[in-house]
Amino acid sequence: MEAFRYRLGRYPGYFWGAWIGGRL
């Protein structure tokens, strides 16, 4: 989770999700 926080905090334009019906 720490690595995910780091990646989202430093590179938000490179942390993407795909959602279907409100589910990641």
PDB file of all heavy atoms in Angstrom:
ATOM      1  N   MET A   1       0.842  -1.196   0.000  1.00  0.00           N
ATOM      2  CA  MET A   1       0.000   0.000   0.000  1.00  0.00           C
ATOM      3  C   MET A   1       0.878   1.248   0.000  1.00  0.00           C
ATOM      4  O   MET A   1       0.560   2.234  -0.665  1.00  0.00           O
ATOM      5  CB  MET A   1      -0.954   0.000   1.195  1.00  0.00           C
ATOM      6  CG  MET A   1      -1.809   1.247   1.252  1.00  0.00           C
ATOM      7  SD  MET A   1      -2.894   1.465  -0.180  1.00  0.00           S
ATOM      8  CE  MET A   1      -4.367   0.699   0.443  1.00  0.00           C
ATOM      9  N   GLU A   2       1.993   1.193   0.708  1.00  0.00           N
ATOM     10  CA  GLU A   2       2.930   2.323   0.723  1.00  0.00           C
ATOM     11  C   GLU A   2       3.438   2.622  -0.688  1.00  0.00           C
ATOM     12  O   GLU A   2       3.527   3.786  -1.102  1.00  0.00           O
ATOM     13  CB  GLU A   2       4.114   2.024   1.647  1.00  0.00           C
ATOM     14  CG  GLU A   2       5.156   3.122   1.682  1.00  0.00           C
ATOM     15  CD  GLU A   2       6.368   2.769   2.527  1.00  0.00           C
ATOM     16  OE1 GLU A   2       6.343   1.764   3.265  1.00  0.00           O
ATOM     17  OE2 GLU A   2       7.354   3.514   2.434  1.00  0.00           O
ATOM     18  N   ALA A   3       3.753   1.572  -1.453  1.00  0.00           N
ATOM     19  CA  ALA A   3       4.209   1.763  -2.839  1.00  0.00           C
ATOM     20  C   ALA A   3       3.104   2.382  -3.685  1.00  0.00           C
ATOM     21  O   ALA A   3       3.365   3.265  -4.504  1.00  0.00           O
ATOM     22  CB  ALA A   3       4.659   0.429  -3.432  1.00  0.00           C
ATOM     23  N   PHE A   4       1.857   1.942  -3.477  1.00  0.00           N
ATOM     24  CA  PHE A   4       0.743   2.528  -4.218  1.00  0.00           C
ATOM     25  C   PHE A   4       0.571   4.005  -3.872  1.00  0.00           C
ATOM     26  O   PHE A   4       0.323   4.824  -4.753  1.00  0.00           O
ATOM     27  CB  PHE A   4      -0.545   1.752  -3.935  1.00  0.00           C
ATOM     28  CG  PHE A   4      -0.823   0.658  -4.932  1.00  0.00           C
ATOM     29  CD1 PHE A   4       0.195  -0.016  -5.573  1.00  0.00           C
ATOM     30  CD2 PHE A   4      -2.113   0.313  -5.231  1.00  0.00           C
ATOM     31  CE1 PHE A   4      -0.067  -1.020  -6.490  1.00  0.00           C
ATOM     32  CE2 PHE A   4      -2.397  -0.685  -6.147  1.00  0.00           C
ATOM     33  CZ  PHE A   4      -1.368  -1.351  -6.780  1.00  0.00           C
ATOM     34  N   ARG A   5       0.685   4.350  -2.604  1.00  0.00           N
ATOM     35  CA  ARG A   5       0.574   5.763  -2.205  1.00  0.00           C
ATOM     36  C   ARG A   5       1.676   6.593  -2.870  1.00  0.00           C
ATOM     37  O   ARG A   5       1.427   7.698  -3.348  1.00  0.00           O
ATOM     38  CB  ARG A   5       0.650   5.895  -0.688  1.00  0.00           C
ATOM     39  CG  ARG A   5      -0.609   5.506   0.018  1.00  0.00           C
ATOM     40  CD  ARG A   5      -0.551   5.861   1.522  1.00  0.00           C
ATOM     41  NE  ARG A   5      -1.628   5.211   2.210  1.00  0.00           N
ATOM     42  CZ  ARG A   5      -1.505   4.155   3.011  1.00  0.00           C
ATOM     43  NH1 ARG A   5      -0.311   3.652   3.258  1.00  0.00           N
ATOM     44  NH2 ARG A   5      -2.559   3.616   3.576  1.00  0.00           N
ATOM     45  N   TYR A   6       2.882   6.053  -2.864  1.00  0.00           N
ATOM     46  CA  TYR A   6       4.014   6.741  -3.491  1.00  0.00           C
ATOM     47  C   TYR A   6       3.745   6.962  -4.982  1.00  0.00           C
ATOM     48  O   TYR A   6       3.895   8.070  -5.498  1.00  0.00           O
ATOM     49  CB  TYR A   6       5.300   5.929  -3.296  1.00  0.00           C
ATOM     50  CG  TYR A   6       6.487   6.516  -4.021  1.00  0.00           C
ATOM     51  CD1 TYR A   6       7.224   7.538  -3.443  1.00  0.00           C
ATOM     52  CD2 TYR A   6       6.863   6.066  -5.281  1.00  0.00           C
ATOM     53  CE1 TYR A   6       8.317   8.089  -4.105  1.00  0.00           C
ATOM     54  CE2 TYR A   6       7.936   6.611  -5.951  1.00  0.00           C
ATOM     55  CZ  TYR A   6       8.654   7.623  -5.360  1.00  0.00           C
ATOM     56  OH  TYR A   6       9.723   8.177  -6.018  1.00  0.00           O
ATOM     57  N   ARG A   7       3.336   5.910  -5.691  1.00  0.00           N
ATOM     58  CA  ARG A   7       3.104   6.009  -7.136  1.00  0.00           C
ATOM     59  C   ARG A   7       1.992   6.999  -7.456  1.00  0.00           C
ATOM     60  O   ARG A   7       2.133   7.809  -8.374  1.00  0.00           O
ATOM     61  CB  ARG A   7       2.760   4.632  -7.711  1.00  0.00           C
ATOM     62  CG  ARG A   7       3.897   3.635  -7.607  1.00  0.00           C
ATOM     63  CD  ARG A   7       3.470   2.259  -8.046  1.00  0.00           C
ATOM     64  NE  ARG A   7       4.386   1.243  -7.573  1.00  0.00           N
ATOM     65  CZ  ARG A   7       4.180  -0.059  -7.707  1.00  0.00           C
ATOM     66  NH1 ARG A   7       3.090  -0.504  -8.318  1.00  0.00           N
ATOM     67  NH2 ARG A   7       5.053  -0.912  -7.250  1.00  0.00           N
ATOM     68  N   LEU A   8       0.895   6.939  -6.726  1.00  0.00           N
ATOM     69  CA  LEU A   8      -0.201   7.874  -6.978  1.00  0.00           C
ATOM     70  C   LEU A   8       0.208   9.298  -6.634  1.00  0.00           C
ATOM     71  O   LEU A   8      -0.098  10.236  -7.370  1.00  0.00           O
ATOM     72  CB  LEU A   8      -1.451   7.482  -6.185  1.00  0.00           C
ATOM     73  CG  LEU A   8      -2.664   8.398  -6.393  1.00  0.00           C
ATOM     74  CD1 LEU A   8      -3.128   8.385  -7.843  1.00  0.00           C
ATOM     75  CD2 LEU A   8      -3.799   7.991  -5.462  1.00  0.00           C
ATOM     76  N   GLY A   9       0.929   9.483  -5.537  1.00  0.00           N
ATOM     77  CA  GLY A   9       1.356  10.818  -5.117  1.00  0.00           C
ATOM     78  C   GLY A   9       2.359  11.451  -6.058  1.00  0.00           C
ATOM     79  O   GLY A   9       2.297  12.649  -6.335  1.00  0.00           O
ATOM     80  N   ARG A  10       3.307  10.652  -6.588  1.00  0.00           N
ATOM     81  CA  ARG A  10       4.358  11.183  -7.456  1.00  0.00           C
ATOM     82  C   ARG A  10       3.962  11.196  -8.935  1.00  0.00           C
ATOM     83  O   ARG A  10       4.418  12.037  -9.687  1.00  0.00           O
ATOM     84  CB  ARG A  10       5.646  10.363  -7.317  1.00  0.00           C
ATOM     85  CG  ARG A  10       6.273  10.356  -5.939  1.00  0.00           C
ATOM     86  CD  ARG A  10       6.714  11.746  -5.494  1.00  0.00           C
ATOM     87  NE  ARG A  10       7.572  11.734  -4.326  1.00  0.00           N
ATOM     88  CZ  ARG A  10       7.166  11.555  -3.084  1.00  0.00           C
ATOM     89  NH1 ARG A  10       5.908  11.317  -2.820  1.00  0.00           N
ATOM     90  NH2 ARG A  10       8.026  11.605  -2.080  1.00  0.00           N
ATOM     91  N   TYR A  11       3.145  10.243  -9.340  1.00  0.00           N
ATOM     92  CA  TYR A  11       2.822  10.073 -10.758  1.00  0.00           C
ATOM     93  C   TYR A  11       1.321   9.884 -10.966  1.00  0.00           C
ATOM     94  O   TYR A  11       0.887   8.869 -11.526  1.00  0.00           O
ATOM     95  CB  TYR A  11       3.591   8.873 -11.332  1.00  0.00           C
ATOM     96  CG  TYR A  11       5.051   8.896 -10.981  1.00  0.00           C
ATOM     97  CD1 TYR A  11       5.562   8.071  -9.980  1.00  0.00           C
ATOM     98  CD2 TYR A  11       5.927   9.765 -11.621  1.00  0.00           C
ATOM     99  CE1 TYR A  11       6.905   8.102  -9.641  1.00  0.00           C
ATOM    100  CE2 TYR A  11       7.261   9.812 -11.286  1.00  0.00           C
ATOM    101  CZ  TYR A  11       7.752   8.976 -10.288  1.00  0.00           C
ATOM    102  OH  TYR A  11       9.079   9.013  -9.955  1.00  0.00           O
ATOM    103  N   PRO A  12       0.519  10.860 -10.563  1.00  0.00           N
ATOM    104  CA  PRO A  12      -0.938  10.683 -10.664  1.00  0.00           C
ATOM    105  C   PRO A  12      -1.428  10.503 -12.102  1.00  0.00           C
ATOM    106  O   PRO A  12      -2.435   9.833 -12.328  1.00  0.00           O
ATOM    107  CB  PRO A  12      -1.504  11.955 -10.033  1.00  0.00           C
ATOM    108  CG  PRO A  12      -0.396  12.962 -10.135  1.00  0.00           C
ATOM    109  CD  PRO A  12       0.878  12.168 -10.025  1.00  0.00           C
ATOM    110  N   GLY A  13      -0.718  11.044 -13.066  1.00  0.00           N
ATOM    111  CA  GLY A  13      -1.098  10.890 -14.464  1.00  0.00           C
ATOM    112  C   GLY A  13      -0.743   9.530 -15.042  1.00  0.00           C
ATOM    113  O   GLY A  13      -0.996   9.264 -16.211  1.00  0.00           O
ATOM    114  N   TYR A  14      -0.152   8.684 -14.206  1.00  0.00           N
ATOM    115  CA  TYR A  14       0.248   7.343 -14.616  1.00  0.00           C
ATOM    116  C   TYR A  14      -0.339   6.276 -13.698  1.00  0.00           C
ATOM    117  O   TYR A  14       0.186   5.182 -13.586  1.00  0.00           O
ATOM    118  CB  TYR A  14       1.772   7.221 -14.613  1.00  0.00           C
ATOM    119  CG  TYR A  14       2.425   8.074 -15.665  1.00  0.00           C
ATOM    120  CD1 TYR A  14       2.845   9.366 -15.376  1.00  0.00           C
ATOM    121  CD2 TYR A  14       2.627   7.582 -16.944  1.00  0.00           C
ATOM    122  CE1 TYR A  14       3.447  10.151 -16.347  1.00  0.00           C
ATOM    123  CE2 TYR A  14       3.235   8.361 -17.921  1.00  0.00           C
ATOM    124  CZ  TYR A  14       3.640   9.647 -17.611  1.00  0.00           C
ATOM    125  OH  TYR A  14       4.232  10.407 -18.568  1.00  0.00           O
ATOM    126  N   PHE A  15      -1.423   6.603 -13.021  1.00  0.00           N
ATOM    127  CA  PHE A  15      -2.094   5.631 -12.157  1.00  0.00           C
ATOM    128  C   PHE A  15      -3.547   5.607 -12.608  1.00  0.00           C
ATOM    129  O   PHE A  15      -4.336   6.470 -12.263  1.00  0.00           O
ATOM    130  CB  PHE A  15      -1.987   6.047 -10.691  1.00  0.00           C
ATOM    131  CG  PHE A  15      -2.159   4.914  -9.707  1.00  0.00           C
ATOM    132  CD1 PHE A  15      -1.194   4.677  -8.747  1.00  0.00           C
ATOM    133  CD2 PHE A  15      -3.274   4.097  -9.729  1.00  0.00           C
ATOM    134  CE1 PHE A  15      -1.336   3.648  -7.833  1.00  0.00           C
ATOM    135  CE2 PHE A  15      -3.435   3.073  -8.825  1.00  0.00           C
ATOM    136  CZ  PHE A  15      -2.462   2.838  -7.870  1.00  0.00           C
ATOM    137  N   TRP A  16      -3.882   4.617 -13.429  1.00  0.00           N
ATOM    138  CA  TRP A  16      -5.185   4.562 -14.074  1.00  0.00           C
ATOM    139  C   TRP A  16      -5.983   3.357 -13.606  1.00  0.00           C
ATOM    140  O   TRP A  16      -5.424   2.313 -13.291  1.00  0.00           O
ATOM    141  CB  TRP A  16      -5.011   4.489 -15.591  1.00  0.00           C
ATOM    142  CG  TRP A  16      -4.455   5.748 -16.158  1.00  0.00           C
ATOM    143  CD1 TRP A  16      -3.141   6.052 -16.369  1.00  0.00           C
ATOM    144  CD2 TRP A  16      -5.194   6.906 -16.546  1.00  0.00           C
ATOM    145  NE1 TRP A  16      -3.025   7.317 -16.883  1.00  0.00           N
ATOM    146  CE2 TRP A  16      -4.269   7.858 -17.005  1.00  0.00           C
ATOM    147  CE3 TRP A  16      -6.544   7.210 -16.575  1.00  0.00           C
ATOM    148  CZ2 TRP A  16      -4.659   9.104 -17.474  1.00  0.00           C
ATOM    149  CZ3 TRP A  16      -6.930   8.450 -17.042  1.00  0.00           C
ATOM    150  CH2 TRP A  16      -5.992   9.379 -17.488  1.00  0.00           C
ATOM    151  N   GLY A  17      -7.291   3.523 -13.603  1.00  0.00           N
ATOM    152  CA  GLY A  17      -8.187   2.429 -13.272  1.00  0.00           C
ATOM    153  C   GLY A  17      -9.268   2.287 -14.326  1.00  0.00           C
ATOM    154  O   GLY A  17      -9.615   3.242 -15.010  1.00  0.00           O
ATOM    155  N   ALA A  18      -9.780   1.071 -14.455  1.00  0.00           N
ATOM    156  CA  ALA A  18     -10.915   0.793 -15.343  1.00  0.00           C
ATOM    157  C   ALA A  18     -12.072   0.350 -14.451  1.00  0.00           C
ATOM    158  O   ALA A  18     -11.904  -0.500 -13.573  1.00  0.00           O
ATOM    159  CB  ALA A  18     -10.565  -0.298 -16.340  1.00  0.00           C
ATOM    160  N   TRP A  19     -13.228   0.948 -14.687  1.00  0.00           N
ATOM    161  CA  TRP A  19     -14.403   0.690 -13.860  1.00  0.00           C
ATOM    162  C   TRP A  19     -15.531   0.157 -14.723  1.00  0.00           C
ATOM    163  O   TRP A  19     -15.756   0.643 -15.826  1.00  0.00           O
ATOM    164  CB  TRP A  19     -14.867   1.991 -13.193  1.00  0.00           C
ATOM    165  CG  TRP A  19     -13.819   2.627 -12.342  1.00  0.00           C
ATOM    166  CD1 TRP A  19     -12.785   3.412 -12.761  1.00  0.00           C
ATOM    167  CD2 TRP A  19     -13.687   2.531 -10.931  1.00  0.00           C
ATOM    168  NE1 TRP A  19     -12.024   3.810 -11.692  1.00  0.00           N
ATOM    169  CE2 TRP A  19     -12.553   3.283 -10.555  1.00  0.00           C
ATOM    170  CE3 TRP A  19     -14.435   1.878  -9.942  1.00  0.00           C
ATOM    171  CZ2 TRP A  19     -12.148   3.394  -9.230  1.00  0.00           C
ATOM    172  CZ3 TRP A  19     -14.018   2.001  -8.617  1.00  0.00           C
ATOM    173  CH2 TRP A  19     -12.884   2.748  -8.284  1.00  0.00           C
ATOM    174  N   ILE A  20     -16.242  -0.823 -14.219  1.00  0.00           N
ATOM    175  CA  ILE A  20     -17.456  -1.323 -14.866  1.00  0.00           C
ATOM    176  C   ILE A  20     -18.543  -1.357 -13.798  1.00  0.00           C
ATOM    177  O   ILE A  20     -18.390  -2.025 -12.769  1.00  0.00           O
ATOM    178  CB  ILE A  20     -17.258  -2.730 -15.461  1.00  0.00           C
ATOM    179  CG1 ILE A  20     -16.222  -2.686 -16.590  1.00  0.00           C
ATOM    180  CG2 ILE A  20     -18.596  -3.280 -15.966  1.00  0.00           C
ATOM    181  CD1 ILE A  20     -15.907  -4.041 -17.199  1.00  0.00           C
ATOM    182  N   GLY A  21     -19.616  -0.622 -14.043  1.00  0.00           N
ATOM    183  CA  GLY A  21     -20.721  -0.597 -13.090  1.00  0.00           C
ATOM    184  C   GLY A  21     -20.316  -0.179 -11.698  1.00  0.00           C
ATOM    185  O   GLY A  21     -20.815  -0.733 -10.722  1.00  0.00           O
ATOM    186  N   GLY A  22     -19.395   0.754 -11.591  1.00  0.00           N
ATOM    187  CA  GLY A  22     -18.951   1.229 -10.282  1.00  0.00           C
ATOM    188  C   GLY A  22     -17.951   0.324  -9.589  1.00  0.00           C
ATOM    189  O   GLY A  22     -17.559   0.581  -8.449  1.00  0.00           O
ATOM    190  N   ARG A  23     -17.504  -0.729 -10.258  1.00  0.00           N
ATOM    191  CA  ARG A  23     -16.540  -1.669  -9.676  1.00  0.00           C
ATOM    192  C   ARG A  23     -15.208  -1.535 -10.402  1.00  0.00           C
ATOM    193  O   ARG A  23     -15.154  -1.550 -11.639  1.00  0.00           O
ATOM    194  CB  ARG A  23     -17.064  -3.092  -9.793  1.00  0.00           C
ATOM    195  CG  ARG A  23     -16.181  -4.138  -9.132  1.00  0.00           C
ATOM    196  CD  ARG A  23     -16.854  -5.511  -9.118  1.00  0.00           C
ATOM    197  NE  ARG A  23     -16.909  -6.124 -10.416  1.00  0.00           N
ATOM    198  CZ  ARG A  23     -15.990  -6.990 -10.890  1.00  0.00           C
ATOM    199  NH1 ARG A  23     -14.954  -7.316 -10.156  1.00  0.00           N
ATOM    200  NH2 ARG A  23     -16.132  -7.503 -12.089  1.00  0.00           N
ATOM    201  N   LEU A  24     -14.141  -1.402  -9.632  1.00  0.00           N
ATOM    202  CA  LEU A  24     -12.803  -1.328 -10.206  1.00  0.00           C
ATOM    203  C   LEU A  24     -12.413  -2.706 -10.725  1.00  0.00           C
ATOM    204  O   LEU A  24     -12.366  -3.670  -9.960  1.00  0.00           O
ATOM    205  CB  LEU A  24     -11.793  -0.855  -9.151  1.00  0.00           C
ATOM    206  CG  LEU A  24     -10.354  -0.671  -9.626  1.00  0.00           C
ATOM    207  CD1 LEU A  24     -10.261   0.450 -10.654  1.00  0.00           C
ATOM    208  CD2 LEU A  24      -9.445  -0.367  -8.433  1.00  0.00           C
TER     209      LEU A  24
END
